[in-house]
């Protein structure tokens, strides 16, 4: 259960990062509210998962999932370009996250 919560919390990290970008410095209320709710839920999920998963592993997985999904969202919405180097490096982060789950 902790691993599922951790992965979902990492996904929420991508939600709050995107909402933070869309809030335009907290000048837009709806994205600002989405940011606030998702950052609390994401961090709360990380705290829950850390009851059963070692701190370093949990944090690295949480950040890794968030980074990959945030970058993917940025590429899909054309905020960033999907270059071969960027895709390869993100695949490497994904592989490291899977590796941490395997050895944990």
PDB file of N, CA and C in Angstrom:
ATOM      1  N   UNK A   1       0.824  -1.198   0.000  1.00  0.00           N
ATOM      2  CA  UNK A   1       0.000   0.000   0.000  1.00  0.00           C
ATOM      3  C   UNK A   1       0.869   1.263   0.000  1.00  0.00           C
ATOM      4  N   UNK A   2       1.967   1.243   0.752  1.00  0.00           N
ATOM      5  CA  UNK A   2       2.830   2.416   0.831  1.00  0.00           C
ATOM      6  C   UNK A   2       3.426   2.769  -0.525  1.00  0.00           C
ATOM      7  N   UNK A   3       3.768   1.745  -1.312  1.00  0.00           N
ATOM      8  CA  UNK A   3       4.351   2.019  -2.629  1.00  0.00           C
ATOM      9  C   UNK A   3       3.328   2.649  -3.560  1.00  0.00           C
ATOM     10  N   UNK A   4       2.089   2.202  -3.485  1.00  0.00           N
ATOM     11  CA  UNK A   4       1.030   2.785  -4.325  1.00  0.00           C
ATOM     12  C   UNK A   4       0.818   4.249  -3.950  1.00  0.00           C
ATOM     13  N   UNK A   5       0.736   4.517  -2.645  1.00  0.00           N
ATOM     14  CA  UNK A   5       0.568   5.895  -2.178  1.00  0.00           C
ATOM     15  C   UNK A   5       1.755   6.752  -2.609  1.00  0.00           C
ATOM     16  N   UNK A   6       2.954   6.187  -2.530  1.00  0.00           N
ATOM     17  CA  UNK A   6       4.152   6.934  -2.917  1.00  0.00           C
ATOM     18  C   UNK A   6       4.123   7.303  -4.397  1.00  0.00           C
ATOM     19  N   UNK A   7       3.764   6.368  -5.250  1.00  0.00           N
ATOM     20  CA  UNK A   7       3.700   6.639  -6.691  1.00  0.00           C
ATOM     21  C   UNK A   7       2.619   7.681  -6.989  1.00  0.00           C
ATOM     22  N   UNK A   8       1.461   7.548  -6.359  1.00  0.00           N
ATOM     23  CA  UNK A   8       0.401   8.534  -6.570  1.00  0.00           C
ATOM     24  C   UNK A   8       0.814   9.908  -6.055  1.00  0.00           C
ATOM     25  N   UNK A   9       1.536   9.939  -4.947  1.00  0.00           N
ATOM     26  CA  UNK A   9       2.024  11.207  -4.408  1.00  0.00           C
ATOM     27  C   UNK A   9       3.044  11.841  -5.343  1.00  0.00           C
ATOM     28  N   UNK A  10       3.873  11.018  -5.965  1.00  0.00           N
ATOM     29  CA  UNK A  10       4.810  11.527  -6.968  1.00  0.00           C
ATOM     30  C   UNK A  10       4.076  12.100  -8.162  1.00  0.00           C
ATOM     31  N   UNK A  11       2.986  11.447  -8.550  1.00  0.00           N
ATOM     32  CA  UNK A  11       2.177  11.970  -9.659  1.00  0.00           C
ATOM     33  C   UNK A  11       1.557  13.316  -9.278  1.00  0.00           C
ATOM     34  N   UNK A  12       1.144  13.440  -8.021  1.00  0.00           N
ATOM     35  CA  UNK A  12       0.597  14.718  -7.569  1.00  0.00           C
ATOM     36  C   UNK A  12       1.660  15.815  -7.558  1.00  0.00           C
ATOM     37  N   UNK A  13       2.912  15.423  -7.423  1.00  0.00           N
ATOM     38  CA  UNK A  13       3.983  16.411  -7.516  1.00  0.00           C
ATOM     39  C   UNK A  13       3.977  17.057  -8.902  1.00  0.00           C
ATOM     40  N   UNK A  14       3.725  16.256  -9.915  1.00  0.00           N
ATOM     41  CA  UNK A  14       3.630  16.804 -11.275  1.00  0.00           C
ATOM     42  C   UNK A  14       2.415  17.714 -11.402  1.00  0.00           C
ATOM     43  N   UNK A  15       1.332  17.361 -10.734  1.00  0.00           N
ATOM     44  CA  UNK A  15       0.127  18.206 -10.777  1.00  0.00           C
ATOM     45  C   UNK A  15       0.424  19.561 -10.152  1.00  0.00           C
ATOM     46  N   UNK A  16       1.053  19.542  -8.966  1.00  0.00           N
ATOM     47  CA  UNK A  16       1.281  20.844  -8.329  1.00  0.00           C
ATOM     48  C   UNK A  16       2.318  21.664  -9.076  1.00  0.00           C
ATOM     49  N   UNK A  17       3.280  21.022  -9.698  1.00  0.00           N
ATOM     50  CA  UNK A  17       4.263  21.777 -10.477  1.00  0.00           C
ATOM     51  C   UNK A  17       3.598  22.448 -11.677  1.00  0.00           C
ATOM     52  N   UNK A  18       2.734  21.714 -12.357  1.00  0.00           N
ATOM     53  CA  UNK A  18       2.021  22.289 -13.505  1.00  0.00           C
ATOM     54  C   UNK A  18       1.076  23.400 -13.050  1.00  0.00           C
ATOM     55  N   UNK A  19       0.391  23.181 -11.943  1.00  0.00           N
ATOM     56  CA  UNK A  19      -0.527  24.210 -11.427  1.00  0.00           C
ATOM     57  C   UNK A  19       0.241  25.456 -11.003  1.00  0.00           C
ATOM     58  N   UNK A  20       1.416  25.266 -10.420  1.00  0.00           N
ATOM     59  CA  UNK A  20       2.235  26.406 -10.023  1.00  0.00           C
ATOM     60  C   UNK A  20       2.622  27.223 -11.255  1.00  0.00           C
ATOM     61  N   UNK A  21       2.996  26.540 -12.325  1.00  0.00           N
ATOM     62  CA  UNK A  21       3.331  27.239 -13.572  1.00  0.00           C
ATOM     63  C   UNK A  21       2.123  28.015 -14.100  1.00  0.00           C
ATOM     64  N   UNK A  22       0.968  27.362 -14.081  1.00  0.00           N
ATOM     65  CA  UNK A  22      -0.245  27.987 -14.628  1.00  0.00           C
ATOM     66  C   UNK A  22      -0.810  29.091 -13.730  1.00  0.00           C
ATOM     67  N   UNK A  23      -0.405  29.102 -12.447  1.00  0.00           N
ATOM     68  CA  UNK A  23      -0.941  30.116 -11.534  1.00  0.00           C
ATOM     69  C   UNK A  23      -0.380  31.510 -11.813  1.00  0.00           C
ATOM     70  N   UNK A  24       0.700  31.574 -12.615  1.00  0.00           N
ATOM     71  CA  UNK A  24       1.329  32.855 -12.976  1.00  0.00           C
ATOM     72  C   UNK A  24       1.671  33.667 -11.715  1.00  0.00           C
ATOM     73  N   UNK A  25       2.417  33.000 -10.814  1.00  0.00           N
ATOM     74  CA  UNK A  25       2.838  33.696  -9.593  1.00  0.00           C
ATOM     75  C   UNK A  25       1.706  33.881  -8.596  1.00  0.00           C
ATOM     76  N   UNK A  26       0.794  32.940  -8.557  1.00  0.00           N
ATOM     77  CA  UNK A  26      -0.379  32.958  -7.662  1.00  0.00           C
ATOM     78  C   UNK A  26      -1.349  34.091  -7.988  1.00  0.00           C
ATOM     79  N   UNK A  27      -1.342  34.555  -9.230  1.00  0.00           N
ATOM     80  CA  UNK A  27      -2.279  35.600  -9.649  1.00  0.00           C
ATOM     81  C   UNK A  27      -3.576  35.015 -10.185  1.00  0.00           C
ATOM     82  N   UNK A  28      -3.572  33.714 -10.498  1.00  0.00           N
ATOM     83  CA  UNK A  28      -4.790  33.068 -11.016  1.00  0.00           C
ATOM     84  C   UNK A  28      -5.318  32.136  -9.926  1.00  0.00           C
ATOM     85  N   UNK A  29      -6.558  32.328  -9.474  1.00  0.00           N
ATOM     86  CA  UNK A  29      -7.048  31.610  -8.298  1.00  0.00           C
ATOM     87  C   UNK A  29      -7.231  30.098  -8.470  1.00  0.00           C
ATOM     88  N   UNK A  30      -7.756  29.646  -9.587  1.00  0.00           N
ATOM     89  CA  UNK A  30      -8.020  28.205  -9.730  1.00  0.00           C
ATOM     90  C   UNK A  30      -6.718  27.392  -9.755  1.00  0.00           C
ATOM     91  N   UNK A  31      -5.749  27.738 -10.603  1.00  0.00           N
ATOM     92  CA  UNK A  31      -4.489  26.989 -10.545  1.00  0.00           C
ATOM     93  C   UNK A  31      -3.796  27.126  -9.185  1.00  0.00           C
ATOM     94  N   UNK A  32      -3.935  28.259  -8.534  1.00  0.00           N
ATOM     95  CA  UNK A  32      -3.334  28.441  -7.211  1.00  0.00           C
ATOM     96  C   UNK A  32      -3.971  27.498  -6.202  1.00  0.00           C
ATOM     97  N   UNK A  33      -5.281  27.326  -6.279  1.00  0.00           N
ATOM     98  CA  UNK A  33      -5.976  26.397  -5.383  1.00  0.00           C
ATOM     99  C   UNK A  33      -5.587  24.950  -5.693  1.00  0.00           C
ATOM    100  N   UNK A  34      -5.507  24.611  -6.974  1.00  0.00           N
ATOM    101  CA  UNK A  34      -5.063  23.264  -7.364  1.00  0.00           C
ATOM    102  C   UNK A  34      -3.657  23.015  -6.833  1.00  0.00           C
ATOM    103  N   UNK A  35      -2.783  23.998  -6.942  1.00  0.00           N
ATOM    104  CA  UNK A  35      -1.432  23.880  -6.394  1.00  0.00           C
ATOM    105  C   UNK A  35      -1.481  23.578  -4.907  1.00  0.00           C
ATOM    106  N   UNK A  36      -2.214  24.368  -4.161  1.00  0.00           N
ATOM    107  CA  UNK A  36      -2.261  24.225  -2.709  1.00  0.00           C
ATOM    108  C   UNK A  36      -2.780  22.857  -2.283  1.00  0.00           C
ATOM    109  N   UNK A  37      -3.876  22.434  -2.875  1.00  0.00           N
ATOM    110  CA  UNK A  37      -4.458  21.134  -2.519  1.00  0.00           C
ATOM    111  C   UNK A  37      -3.521  19.994  -2.908  1.00  0.00           C
ATOM    112  N   UNK A  38      -2.962  20.055  -4.103  1.00  0.00           N
ATOM    113  CA  UNK A  38      -2.115  18.947  -4.559  1.00  0.00           C
ATOM    114  C   UNK A  38      -0.774  18.897  -3.838  1.00  0.00           C
ATOM    115  N   UNK A  39      -0.214  20.036  -3.454  1.00  0.00           N
ATOM    116  CA  UNK A  39       1.060  20.007  -2.731  1.00  0.00           C
ATOM    117  C   UNK A  39       0.859  19.434  -1.324  1.00  0.00           C
ATOM    118  N   UNK A  40      -0.258  19.747  -0.695  1.00  0.00           N
ATOM    119  CA  UNK A  40      -0.546  19.178   0.629  1.00  0.00           C
ATOM    120  C   UNK A  40      -0.774  17.675   0.517  1.00  0.00           C
ATOM    121  N   UNK A  41      -1.564  17.250  -0.474  1.00  0.00           N
ATOM    122  CA  UNK A  41      -1.827  15.825  -0.654  1.00  0.00           C
ATOM    123  C   UNK A  41      -0.558  15.064  -1.037  1.00  0.00           C
ATOM    124  N   UNK A  42       0.249  15.650  -1.896  1.00  0.00           N
ATOM    125  CA  UNK A  42       1.479  14.998  -2.334  1.00  0.00           C
ATOM    126  C   UNK A  42       2.449  14.810  -1.170  1.00  0.00           C
ATOM    127  N   UNK A  43       2.650  15.858  -0.403  1.00  0.00           N
ATOM    128  CA  UNK A  43       3.565  15.776   0.733  1.00  0.00           C
ATOM    129  C   UNK A  43       3.006  14.854   1.816  1.00  0.00           C
ATOM    130  N   UNK A  44       1.714  14.899   2.022  1.00  0.00           N
ATOM    131  CA  UNK A  44       1.082  13.994   2.989  1.00  0.00           C
ATOM    132  C   UNK A  44       1.237  12.539   2.581  1.00  0.00           C
ATOM    133  N   UNK A  45       1.101  12.261   1.300  1.00  0.00           N
ATOM    134  CA  UNK A  45       1.295  10.895   0.807  1.00  0.00           C
ATOM    135  C   UNK A  45       2.730  10.435   0.986  1.00  0.00           C
ATOM    136  N   UNK A  46       3.674  11.337   0.749  1.00  0.00           N
ATOM    137  CA  UNK A  46       5.085  11.006   0.984  1.00  0.00           C
ATOM    138  C   UNK A  46       5.306  10.672   2.450  1.00  0.00           C
ATOM    139  N   UNK A  47       4.755  11.478   3.336  1.00  0.00           N
ATOM    140  CA  UNK A  47       4.906  11.221   4.771  1.00  0.00           C
ATOM    141  C   UNK A  47       4.300   9.873   5.151  1.00  0.00           C
ATOM    142  N   UNK A  48       3.144   9.555   4.591  1.00  0.00           N
ATOM    143  CA  UNK A  48       2.507   8.259   4.859  1.00  0.00           C
ATOM    144  C   UNK A  48       3.395   7.110   4.390  1.00  0.00           C
ATOM    145  N   UNK A  49       3.915   7.227   3.183  1.00  0.00           N
ATOM    146  CA  UNK A  49       4.740   6.157   2.614  1.00  0.00           C
ATOM    147  C   UNK A  49       6.032   5.965   3.398  1.00  0.00           C
ATOM    148  N   UNK A  50       6.549   7.052   3.960  1.00  0.00           N
ATOM    149  CA  UNK A  50       7.814   6.969   4.689  1.00  0.00           C
ATOM    150  C   UNK A  50       7.684   6.223   6.019  1.00  0.00           C
ATOM    151  N   UNK A  51       6.481   5.861   6.406  1.00  0.00           N
ATOM    152  CA  UNK A  51       6.321   5.019   7.594  1.00  0.00           C
ATOM    153  C   UNK A  51       6.852   3.612   7.339  1.00  0.00           C
ATOM    154  N   UNK A  52       6.779   3.162   6.068  1.00  0.00           N
ATOM    155  CA  UNK A  52       7.185   1.800   5.717  1.00  0.00           C
ATOM    156  C   UNK A  52       8.371   1.733   4.765  1.00  0.00           C
ATOM    157  N   UNK A  53       8.665   2.809   4.081  1.00  0.00           N
ATOM    158  CA  UNK A  53       9.739   2.826   3.081  1.00  0.00           C
ATOM    159  C   UNK A  53      10.850   3.726   3.618  1.00  0.00           C
ATOM    160  N   UNK A  54      12.107   3.304   3.515  1.00  0.00           N
ATOM    161  CA  UNK A  54      13.208   4.139   4.013  1.00  0.00           C
ATOM    162  C   UNK A  54      13.172   5.544   3.402  1.00  0.00           C
ATOM    163  N   UNK A  55      13.548   6.515   4.187  1.00  0.00           N
ATOM    164  CA  UNK A  55      13.451   7.925   3.804  1.00  0.00           C
ATOM    165  C   UNK A  55      14.127   8.230   2.467  1.00  0.00           C
ATOM    166  N   UNK A  56      15.372   7.823   2.310  1.00  0.00           N
ATOM    167  CA  UNK A  56      16.095   8.121   1.078  1.00  0.00           C
ATOM    168  C   UNK A  56      15.440   7.519  -0.144  1.00  0.00           C
ATOM    169  N   UNK A  57      15.007   6.282  -0.019  1.00  0.00           N
ATOM    170  CA  UNK A  57      14.345   5.595  -1.131  1.00  0.00           C
ATOM    171  C   UNK A  57      13.015   6.263  -1.457  1.00  0.00           C
ATOM    172  N   UNK A  58      12.224   6.526  -0.428  1.00  0.00           N
ATOM    173  CA  UNK A  58      10.909   7.138  -0.646  1.00  0.00           C
ATOM    174  C   UNK A  58      11.035   8.501  -1.305  1.00  0.00           C
ATOM    175  N   UNK A  59      11.956   9.303  -0.807  1.00  0.00           N
ATOM    176  CA  UNK A  59      12.117  10.647  -1.362  1.00  0.00           C
ATOM    177  C   UNK A  59      12.613  10.598  -2.807  1.00  0.00           C
ATOM    178  N   UNK A  60      13.572   9.720  -3.065  1.00  0.00           N
ATOM    179  CA  UNK A  60      14.107   9.611  -4.431  1.00  0.00           C
ATOM    180  C   UNK A  60      13.032   9.143  -5.409  1.00  0.00           C
ATOM    181  N   UNK A  61      12.216   8.197  -5.007  1.00  0.00           N
ATOM    182  CA  UNK A  61      11.140   7.706  -5.882  1.00  0.00           C
ATOM    183  C   UNK A  61      10.105   8.807  -6.089  1.00  0.00           C
ATOM    184  N   UNK A  62       9.730   9.487  -5.017  1.00  0.00           N
ATOM    185  CA  UNK A  62       8.737  10.565  -5.094  1.00  0.00           C
ATOM    186  C   UNK A  62       9.194  11.654  -6.062  1.00  0.00           C
ATOM    187  N   UNK A  63      10.436  12.085  -5.905  1.00  0.00           N
ATOM    188  CA  UNK A  63      10.984  13.115  -6.787  1.00  0.00           C
ATOM    189  C   UNK A  63      11.113  12.589  -8.215  1.00  0.00           C
ATOM    190  N   UNK A  64      11.599  11.356  -8.367  1.00  0.00           N
ATOM    191  CA  UNK A  64      11.788  10.782  -9.701  1.00  0.00           C
ATOM    192  C   UNK A  64      10.491  10.687 -10.479  1.00  0.00           C
ATOM    193  N   UNK A  65       9.444  10.203  -9.824  1.00  0.00           N
ATOM    194  CA  UNK A  65       8.130  10.114 -10.478  1.00  0.00           C
ATOM    195  C   UNK A  65       7.655  11.520 -10.848  1.00  0.00           C
ATOM    196  N   UNK A  66       7.803  12.447  -9.924  1.00  0.00           N
ATOM    197  CA  UNK A  66       7.386  13.823 -10.185  1.00  0.00           C
ATOM    198  C   UNK A  66       8.142  14.459 -11.331  1.00  0.00           C
ATOM    199  N   UNK A  67       9.449  14.246 -11.370  1.00  0.00           N
ATOM    200  CA  UNK A  67      10.280  14.831 -12.437  1.00  0.00           C
ATOM    201  C   UNK A  67       9.873  14.281 -13.801  1.00  0.00           C
ATOM    202  N   UNK A  68       9.760  12.979 -13.894  1.00  0.00           N
ATOM    203  CA  UNK A  68       9.435  12.361 -15.184  1.00  0.00           C
ATOM    204  C   UNK A  68       8.050  12.805 -15.671  1.00  0.00           C
ATOM    205  N   UNK A  69       7.070  12.790 -14.773  1.00  0.00           N
ATOM    206  CA  UNK A  69       5.716  13.178 -15.191  1.00  0.00           C
ATOM    207  C   UNK A  69       5.615  14.671 -15.484  1.00  0.00           C
ATOM    208  N   UNK A  70       6.311  15.493 -14.709  1.00  0.00           N
ATOM    209  CA  UNK A  70       6.303  16.933 -14.970  1.00  0.00           C
ATOM    210  C   UNK A  70       6.936  17.237 -16.325  1.00  0.00           C
ATOM    211  N   UNK A  71       8.057  16.610 -16.601  1.00  0.00           N
ATOM    212  CA  UNK A  71       8.725  16.815 -17.889  1.00  0.00           C
ATOM    213  C   UNK A  71       7.864  16.293 -19.042  1.00  0.00           C
ATOM    214  N   UNK A  72       7.224  15.148 -18.835  1.00  0.00           N
ATOM    215  CA  UNK A  72       6.346  14.603 -19.884  1.00  0.00           C
ATOM    216  C   UNK A  72       5.191  15.554 -20.160  1.00  0.00           C
ATOM    217  N   UNK A  73       4.602  16.089 -19.097  1.00  0.00           N
ATOM    218  CA  UNK A  73       3.510  17.048 -19.265  1.00  0.00           C
ATOM    219  C   UNK A  73       3.995  18.286 -20.030  1.00  0.00           C
ATOM    220  N   UNK A  74       5.172  18.773 -19.667  1.00  0.00           N
ATOM    221  CA  UNK A  74       5.724  19.951 -20.339  1.00  0.00           C
ATOM    222  C   UNK A  74       5.959  19.683 -21.822  1.00  0.00           C
ATOM    223  N   UNK A  75       6.360  18.471 -22.153  1.00  0.00           N
ATOM    224  CA  UNK A  75       6.585  18.135 -23.566  1.00  0.00           C
ATOM    225  C   UNK A  75       5.264  17.988 -24.314  1.00  0.00           C
ATOM    226  N   UNK A  76       4.287  17.357 -23.695  1.00  0.00           N
ATOM    227  CA  UNK A  76       2.982  17.168 -24.338  1.00  0.00           C
ATOM    228  C   UNK A  76       2.304  18.513 -24.586  1.00  0.00           C
ATOM    229  N   UNK A  77       2.455  19.441 -23.639  1.00  0.00           N
ATOM    230  CA  UNK A  77       1.831  20.756 -23.788  1.00  0.00           C
ATOM    231  C   UNK A  77       2.713  21.741 -24.553  1.00  0.00           C
ATOM    232  N   UNK A  78       3.836  21.251 -25.054  1.00  0.00           N
ATOM    233  CA  UNK A  78       4.755  22.013 -25.903  1.00  0.00           C
ATOM    234  C   UNK A  78       5.440  23.186 -25.175  1.00  0.00           C
ATOM    235  N   UNK A  79       5.572  23.057 -23.856  1.00  0.00           N
ATOM    236  CA  UNK A  79       6.345  24.033 -23.086  1.00  0.00           C
ATOM    237  C   UNK A  79       7.838  23.721 -23.228  1.00  0.00           C
ATOM    238  N   UNK A  80       8.160  22.434 -23.368  1.00  0.00           N
ATOM    239  CA  UNK A  80       9.537  21.992 -23.580  1.00  0.00           C
ATOM    240  C   UNK A  80       9.586  21.102 -24.817  1.00  0.00           C
ATOM    241  N   UNK A  81      10.754  21.065 -25.450  1.00  0.00           N
ATOM    242  CA  UNK A  81      10.926  20.216 -26.634  1.00  0.00           C
ATOM    243  C   UNK A  81      11.352  18.814 -26.217  1.00  0.00           C
ATOM    244  N   UNK A  82      10.786  17.786 -26.838  1.00  0.00           N
ATOM    245  CA  UNK A  82      11.176  16.400 -26.523  1.00  0.00           C
ATOM    246  C   UNK A  82      12.415  15.966 -27.311  1.00  0.00           C
ATOM    247  N   UNK A  83      13.563  16.458 -26.930  1.00  0.00           N
ATOM    248  CA  UNK A  83      14.793  16.087 -27.633  1.00  0.00           C
ATOM    249  C   UNK A  83      15.206  14.666 -27.257  1.00  0.00           C
ATOM    250  N   UNK A  84      16.019  14.067 -28.089  1.00  0.00           N
ATOM    251  CA  UNK A  84      16.491  12.698 -27.827  1.00  0.00           C
ATOM    252  C   UNK A  84      17.259  12.637 -26.509  1.00  0.00           C
ATOM    253  N   UNK A  85      18.090  13.624 -26.244  1.00  0.00           N
ATOM    254  CA  UNK A  85      18.863  13.633 -24.997  1.00  0.00           C
ATOM    255  C   UNK A  85      17.941  13.737 -23.792  1.00  0.00           C
ATOM    256  N   UNK A  86      16.956  14.615 -23.856  1.00  0.00           N
ATOM    257  CA  UNK A  86      16.015  14.775 -22.738  1.00  0.00           C
ATOM    258  C   UNK A  86      15.244  13.478 -22.499  1.00  0.00           C
ATOM    259  N   UNK A  87      14.769  12.851 -23.560  1.00  0.00           N
ATOM    260  CA  UNK A  87      14.027  11.599 -23.415  1.00  0.00           C
ATOM    261  C   UNK A  87      14.904  10.489 -22.833  1.00  0.00           C
ATOM    262  N   UNK A  88      16.149  10.411 -23.275  1.00  0.00           N
ATOM    263  CA  UNK A  88      17.058   9.388 -22.756  1.00  0.00           C
ATOM    264  C   UNK A  88      17.345   9.613 -21.269  1.00  0.00           C
ATOM    265  N   UNK A  89      17.566  10.850 -20.897  1.00  0.00           N
ATOM    266  CA  UNK A  89      17.843  11.142 -19.486  1.00  0.00           C
ATOM    267  C   UNK A  89      16.626  10.878 -18.604  1.00  0.00           C
ATOM    268  N   UNK A  90      15.447  11.215 -19.087  1.00  0.00           N
ATOM    269  CA  UNK A  90      14.227  10.915 -18.324  1.00  0.00           C
ATOM    270  C   UNK A  90      14.008   9.406 -18.211  1.00  0.00           C
ATOM    271  N   UNK A  91      14.335   8.666 -19.268  1.00  0.00           N
ATOM    272  CA  UNK A  91      14.244   7.198 -19.202  1.00  0.00           C
ATOM    273  C   UNK A  91      15.217   6.667 -18.154  1.00  0.00           C
ATOM    274  N   UNK A  92      16.389   7.285 -18.053  1.00  0.00           N
ATOM    275  CA  UNK A  92      17.349   6.889 -17.031  1.00  0.00           C
ATOM    276  C   UNK A  92      16.819   7.124 -15.626  1.00  0.00           C
ATOM    277  N   UNK A  93      16.159   8.258 -15.417  1.00  0.00           N
ATOM    278  CA  UNK A  93      15.545   8.524 -14.112  1.00  0.00           C
ATOM    279  C   UNK A  93      14.476   7.484 -13.818  1.00  0.00           C
ATOM    280  N   UNK A  94      13.653   7.186 -14.821  1.00  0.00           N
ATOM    281  CA  UNK A  94      12.624   6.162 -14.649  1.00  0.00           C
ATOM    282  C   UNK A  94      13.219   4.812 -14.289  1.00  0.00           C
ATOM    283  N   UNK A  95      14.300   4.446 -14.951  1.00  0.00           N
ATOM    284  CA  UNK A  95      14.970   3.176 -14.658  1.00  0.00           C
ATOM    285  C   UNK A  95      15.518   3.163 -13.233  1.00  0.00           C
ATOM    286  N   UNK A  96      16.039   4.284 -12.787  1.00  0.00           N
ATOM    287  CA  UNK A  96      16.556   4.364 -11.413  1.00  0.00           C
ATOM    288  C   UNK A  96      15.430   4.226 -10.385  1.00  0.00           C
ATOM    289  N   UNK A  97      14.280   4.814 -10.667  1.00  0.00           N
ATOM    290  CA  UNK A  97      13.132   4.683  -9.761  1.00  0.00           C
ATOM    291  C   UNK A  97      12.716   3.219  -9.666  1.00  0.00           C
ATOM    292  N   UNK A  98      12.627   2.548 -10.794  1.00  0.00           N
ATOM    293  CA  UNK A  98      12.281   1.115 -10.794  1.00  0.00           C
ATOM    294  C   UNK A  98      13.361   0.325 -10.039  1.00  0.00           C
ATOM    295  N   UNK A  99      14.614   0.657 -10.257  1.00  0.00           N
ATOM    296  CA  UNK A  99      15.691  -0.015  -9.552  1.00  0.00           C
ATOM    297  C   UNK A  99      15.616   0.139  -8.047  1.00  0.00           C
ATOM    298  N   UNK A 100      15.241   1.335  -7.585  1.00  0.00           N
ATOM    299  CA  UNK A 100      15.096   1.544  -6.152  1.00  0.00           C
ATOM    300  C   UNK A 100      13.970   0.690  -5.581  1.00  0.00           C
ATOM    301  N   UNK A 101      12.892   0.527  -6.330  1.00  0.00           N
ATOM    302  CA  UNK A 101      11.789  -0.333  -5.878  1.00  0.00           C
ATOM    303  C   UNK A 101      12.271  -1.781  -5.797  1.00  0.00           C
ATOM    304  N   UNK A 102      13.056  -2.199  -6.759  1.00  0.00           N
ATOM    305  CA  UNK A 102      13.532  -3.592  -6.798  1.00  0.00           C
ATOM    306  C   UNK A 102      14.441  -3.905  -5.619  1.00  0.00           C
ATOM    307  N   UNK A 103      15.313  -2.970  -5.261  1.00  0.00           N
ATOM    308  CA  UNK A 103      16.272  -3.257  -4.185  1.00  0.00           C
ATOM    309  C   UNK A 103      15.776  -2.877  -2.793  1.00  0.00           C
ATOM    310  N   UNK A 104      14.637  -2.195  -2.720  1.00  0.00           N
ATOM    311  CA  UNK A 104      14.123  -1.759  -1.406  1.00  0.00           C
ATOM    312  C   UNK A 104      13.558  -2.911  -0.602  1.00  0.00           C
TER     313      UNK A 104
END
